[in-house]
Amino acid sequence: MPGTRDVYSMLDAKTFVALTPSKIREMTGKKLTLTEKISLKLAQAQVKKQLRKGKEVDMSAVARGEGGGIDILWLLLGVVLGLIGVIIALITKKGSGDNRVRFALIGWLIWVAIVLVAFVL
């Protein structure tokens, strides 16, 4: 049975965009977890964006997971530590392709929403 990443690298971009978790399950025999499903949808959105712009899509890079997916650690760090988590992400950022600051900010915004809801109720 091929793995999920192997399946991604064997497909062309238009076929990848049309994939669903159930189709992947048929091809691999493995059910996708929630984070894998979310990562699939995010990667599909990036591929769609590249196709609309007329750019060449490197499916082997998509299969390796470059430039996409949810970084749960930094999202949770932003939710738990708030602005301190964002500052830690900024200090430890590795380069322009590093999404840790983005996910720490999203986590912080979730934290802010929770605090606002707590004070309103």
C-alpha atoms as a PDB file:
ATOM      1  CA  MET A   1       0.000   0.000   0.000  1.00  0.00           C
ATOM      2  CA  PRO A   2       1.397   3.421  -0.888  1.00  0.00           C
ATOM      3  CA  GLY A   3       1.570   6.072   1.805  1.00  0.00           C
ATOM      4  CA  THR A   4      -0.350   9.332   1.656  1.00  0.00           C
ATOM      5  CA  ARG A   5       2.719  11.350   0.642  1.00  0.00           C
ATOM      6  CA  ASP A   6       3.502   8.849  -2.129  1.00  0.00           C
ATOM      7  CA  VAL A   7      -0.026   9.299  -3.478  1.00  0.00           C
ATOM      8  CA  TYR A   8       0.353  13.093  -3.517  1.00  0.00           C
ATOM      9  CA  SER A   9       3.626  12.978  -5.452  1.00  0.00           C
ATOM     10  CA  MET A  10       2.151  10.632  -8.104  1.00  0.00           C
ATOM     11  CA  LEU A  11      -0.759  12.977  -8.930  1.00  0.00           C
ATOM     12  CA  ASP A  12      -0.922  16.022 -11.142  1.00  0.00           C
ATOM     13  CA  ALA A  13      -2.106  19.305  -9.614  1.00  0.00           C
ATOM     14  CA  LYS A  14      -5.670  19.232 -10.994  1.00  0.00           C
ATOM     15  CA  THR A  15      -6.240  15.696  -9.730  1.00  0.00           C
ATOM     16  CA  PHE A  16      -4.790  16.634  -6.323  1.00  0.00           C
ATOM     17  CA  VAL A  17      -7.206  19.559  -5.999  1.00  0.00           C
ATOM     18  CA  ALA A  18     -10.147  17.213  -6.648  1.00  0.00           C
ATOM     19  CA  LEU A  19      -9.081  14.687  -3.975  1.00  0.00           C
ATOM     20  CA  THR A  20     -11.281  13.992  -0.987  1.00  0.00           C
ATOM     21  CA  PRO A  21     -10.349  12.146   2.215  1.00  0.00           C
ATOM     22  CA  SER A  22     -12.530   9.207   1.128  1.00  0.00           C
ATOM     23  CA  LYS A  23     -10.688   8.946  -2.208  1.00  0.00           C
ATOM     24  CA  ILE A  24      -7.365   8.948  -0.365  1.00  0.00           C
ATOM     25  CA  ARG A  25      -8.690   6.206   1.902  1.00  0.00           C
ATOM     26  CA  GLU A  26      -9.572   4.128  -1.165  1.00  0.00           C
ATOM     27  CA  MET A  27      -6.086   4.620  -2.649  1.00  0.00           C
ATOM     28  CA  THR A  28      -4.058   4.061   0.518  1.00  0.00           C
ATOM     29  CA  GLY A  29      -6.328   1.931   2.683  1.00  0.00           C
ATOM     30  CA  LYS A  30      -5.651   4.345   5.562  1.00  0.00           C
ATOM     31  CA  LYS A  31      -8.140   6.724   7.143  1.00  0.00           C
ATOM     32  CA  LEU A  32      -6.868  10.302   7.469  1.00  0.00           C
ATOM     33  CA  THR A  33      -6.742  11.875  10.910  1.00  0.00           C
ATOM     34  CA  LEU A  34      -8.339  15.264  11.538  1.00  0.00           C
ATOM     35  CA  THR A  35      -5.019  17.116  11.262  1.00  0.00           C
ATOM     36  CA  GLU A  36      -4.209  15.273   8.024  1.00  0.00           C
ATOM     37  CA  LYS A  37      -7.597  16.272   6.604  1.00  0.00           C
ATOM     38  CA  ILE A  38      -7.019  19.906   7.544  1.00  0.00           C
ATOM     39  CA  SER A  39      -3.510  19.798   6.086  1.00  0.00           C
ATOM     40  CA  LEU A  40      -4.923  18.311   2.878  1.00  0.00           C
ATOM     41  CA  LYS A  41      -7.452  21.127   2.532  1.00  0.00           C
ATOM     42  CA  LEU A  42      -4.791  23.779   3.207  1.00  0.00           C
ATOM     43  CA  ALA A  43      -2.433  22.221   0.652  1.00  0.00           C
ATOM     44  CA  GLN A  44      -5.272  22.026  -1.880  1.00  0.00           C
ATOM     45  CA  ALA A  45      -6.007  25.722  -1.329  1.00  0.00           C
ATOM     46  CA  GLN A  46      -2.338  26.582  -1.963  1.00  0.00           C
ATOM     47  CA  VAL A  47      -2.267  24.478  -5.132  1.00  0.00           C
ATOM     48  CA  LYS A  48      -5.513  26.089  -6.361  1.00  0.00           C
ATOM     49  CA  LYS A  49      -4.018  29.525  -5.768  1.00  0.00           C
ATOM     50  CA  GLN A  50      -0.887  28.608  -7.743  1.00  0.00           C
ATOM     51  CA  LEU A  51      -2.988  27.181 -10.582  1.00  0.00           C
ATOM     52  CA  ARG A  52      -5.120  30.347 -10.766  1.00  0.00           C
ATOM     53  CA  LYS A  53      -1.954  32.462 -11.008  1.00  0.00           C
ATOM     54  CA  GLY A  54      -0.682  30.213 -13.790  1.00  0.00           C
ATOM     55  CA  LYS A  55       2.340  29.065 -11.810  1.00  0.00           C
ATOM     56  CA  GLU A  56       3.953  25.637 -12.130  1.00  0.00           C
ATOM     57  CA  VAL A  57       3.052  23.383  -9.203  1.00  0.00           C
ATOM     58  CA  ASP A  58       5.760  21.091  -7.814  1.00  0.00           C
ATOM     59  CA  MET A  59       3.768  18.126  -6.529  1.00  0.00           C
ATOM     60  CA  SER A  60       6.842  16.542  -4.951  1.00  0.00           C
ATOM     61  CA  ALA A  61       7.148  19.670  -2.752  1.00  0.00           C
ATOM     62  CA  VAL A  62       3.463  19.363  -1.867  1.00  0.00           C
ATOM     63  CA  ALA A  63       4.023  15.698  -0.985  1.00  0.00           C
ATOM     64  CA  ARG A  64       6.920  16.649   1.313  1.00  0.00           C
ATOM     65  CA  GLY A  65       4.635  19.142   3.031  1.00  0.00           C
ATOM     66  CA  GLU A  66       6.709  22.204   2.243  1.00  0.00           C
ATOM     67  CA  GLY A  67       5.009  25.508   2.886  1.00  0.00           C
ATOM     68  CA  GLY A  68       1.771  24.195   4.269  1.00  0.00           C
ATOM     69  CA  GLY A  69      -0.046  22.461   7.032  1.00  0.00           C
ATOM     70  CA  ILE A  70      -0.968  23.465  10.521  1.00  0.00           C
ATOM     71  CA  ASP A  71       1.755  23.795  13.109  1.00  0.00           C
ATOM     72  CA  ILE A  72      -0.226  22.641  16.132  1.00  0.00           C
ATOM     73  CA  LEU A  73       2.604  23.300  18.597  1.00  0.00           C
ATOM     74  CA  TRP A  74       2.757  27.007  17.802  1.00  0.00           C
ATOM     75  CA  LEU A  75      -1.025  27.317  17.641  1.00  0.00           C
ATOM     76  CA  LEU A  76      -1.301  25.830  21.132  1.00  0.00           C
ATOM     77  CA  LEU A  77       1.588  27.971  22.363  1.00  0.00           C
ATOM     78  CA  GLY A  78      -0.294  31.062  21.179  1.00  0.00           C
ATOM     79  CA  VAL A  79      -3.515  29.908  22.858  1.00  0.00           C
ATOM     80  CA  VAL A  80      -1.867  28.973  26.150  1.00  0.00           C
ATOM     81  CA  LEU A  81       0.706  31.767  26.499  1.00  0.00           C
ATOM     82  CA  GLY A  82      -0.993  34.497  24.472  1.00  0.00           C
ATOM     83  CA  LEU A  83       1.285  37.330  23.387  1.00  0.00           C
ATOM     84  CA  ILE A  84       4.275  35.681  25.081  1.00  0.00           C
ATOM     85  CA  GLY A  85       3.843  32.715  22.712  1.00  0.00           C
ATOM     86  CA  VAL A  86       3.918  35.075  19.722  1.00  0.00           C
ATOM     87  CA  ILE A  87       7.104  36.695  21.027  1.00  0.00           C
ATOM     88  CA  ILE A  88       8.723  33.272  21.482  1.00  0.00           C
ATOM     89  CA  ALA A  89       7.727  32.391  17.905  1.00  0.00           C
ATOM     90  CA  LEU A  90       9.271  35.646  16.631  1.00  0.00           C
ATOM     91  CA  ILE A  91      12.519  34.999  18.496  1.00  0.00           C
ATOM     92  CA  THR A  92      12.840  31.420  17.237  1.00  0.00           C
ATOM     93  CA  LYS A  93      11.695  32.044  13.635  1.00  0.00           C
ATOM     94  CA  LYS A  94      13.966  30.260  11.145  1.00  0.00           C
ATOM     95  CA  GLY A  95      13.207  31.995   7.851  1.00  0.00           C
ATOM     96  CA  SER A  96      10.612  33.491   5.539  1.00  0.00           C
ATOM     97  CA  GLY A  97       8.946  30.114   4.891  1.00  0.00           C
ATOM     98  CA  ASP A  98       8.498  29.450   8.601  1.00  0.00           C
ATOM     99  CA  ASN A  99       4.823  29.608   9.630  1.00  0.00           C
ATOM    100  CA  ARG A 100       5.314  29.466  13.376  1.00  0.00           C
ATOM    101  CA  VAL A 101       4.628  33.184  13.899  1.00  0.00           C
ATOM    102  CA  ARG A 102       1.437  32.987  11.832  1.00  0.00           C
ATOM    103  CA  PHE A 103       0.086  30.067  13.845  1.00  0.00           C
ATOM    104  CA  ALA A 104       1.148  31.637  17.159  1.00  0.00           C
ATOM    105  CA  LEU A 105      -0.767  34.779  16.124  1.00  0.00           C
ATOM    106  CA  ILE A 106      -3.829  32.706  15.261  1.00  0.00           C
ATOM    107  CA  GLY A 107      -3.531  31.020  18.658  1.00  0.00           C
ATOM    108  CA  TRP A 108      -3.237  34.403  20.345  1.00  0.00           C
ATOM    109  CA  LEU A 109      -6.347  35.639  18.528  1.00  0.00           C
ATOM    110  CA  ILE A 110      -8.202  32.568  19.776  1.00  0.00           C
ATOM    111  CA  TRP A 111      -6.929  33.403  23.283  1.00  0.00           C
ATOM    112  CA  VAL A 112      -8.178  37.001  22.926  1.00  0.00           C
ATOM    113  CA  ALA A 113     -11.588  35.772  21.742  1.00  0.00           C
ATOM    114  CA  ILE A 114     -11.838  33.411  24.724  1.00  0.00           C
ATOM    115  CA  VAL A 115     -10.931  36.213  27.148  1.00  0.00           C
ATOM    116  CA  LEU A 116     -13.459  38.580  25.570  1.00  0.00           C
ATOM    117  CA  VAL A 117     -16.221  35.984  25.725  1.00  0.00           C
ATOM    118  CA  ALA A 118     -15.325  35.246  29.362  1.00  0.00           C
ATOM    119  CA  PHE A 119     -15.623  38.921  30.323  1.00  0.00           C
ATOM    120  CA  VAL A 120     -18.865  39.444  28.409  1.00  0.00           C
ATOM    121  CA  LEU A 121     -20.538  36.438  29.997  1.00  0.00           C
END
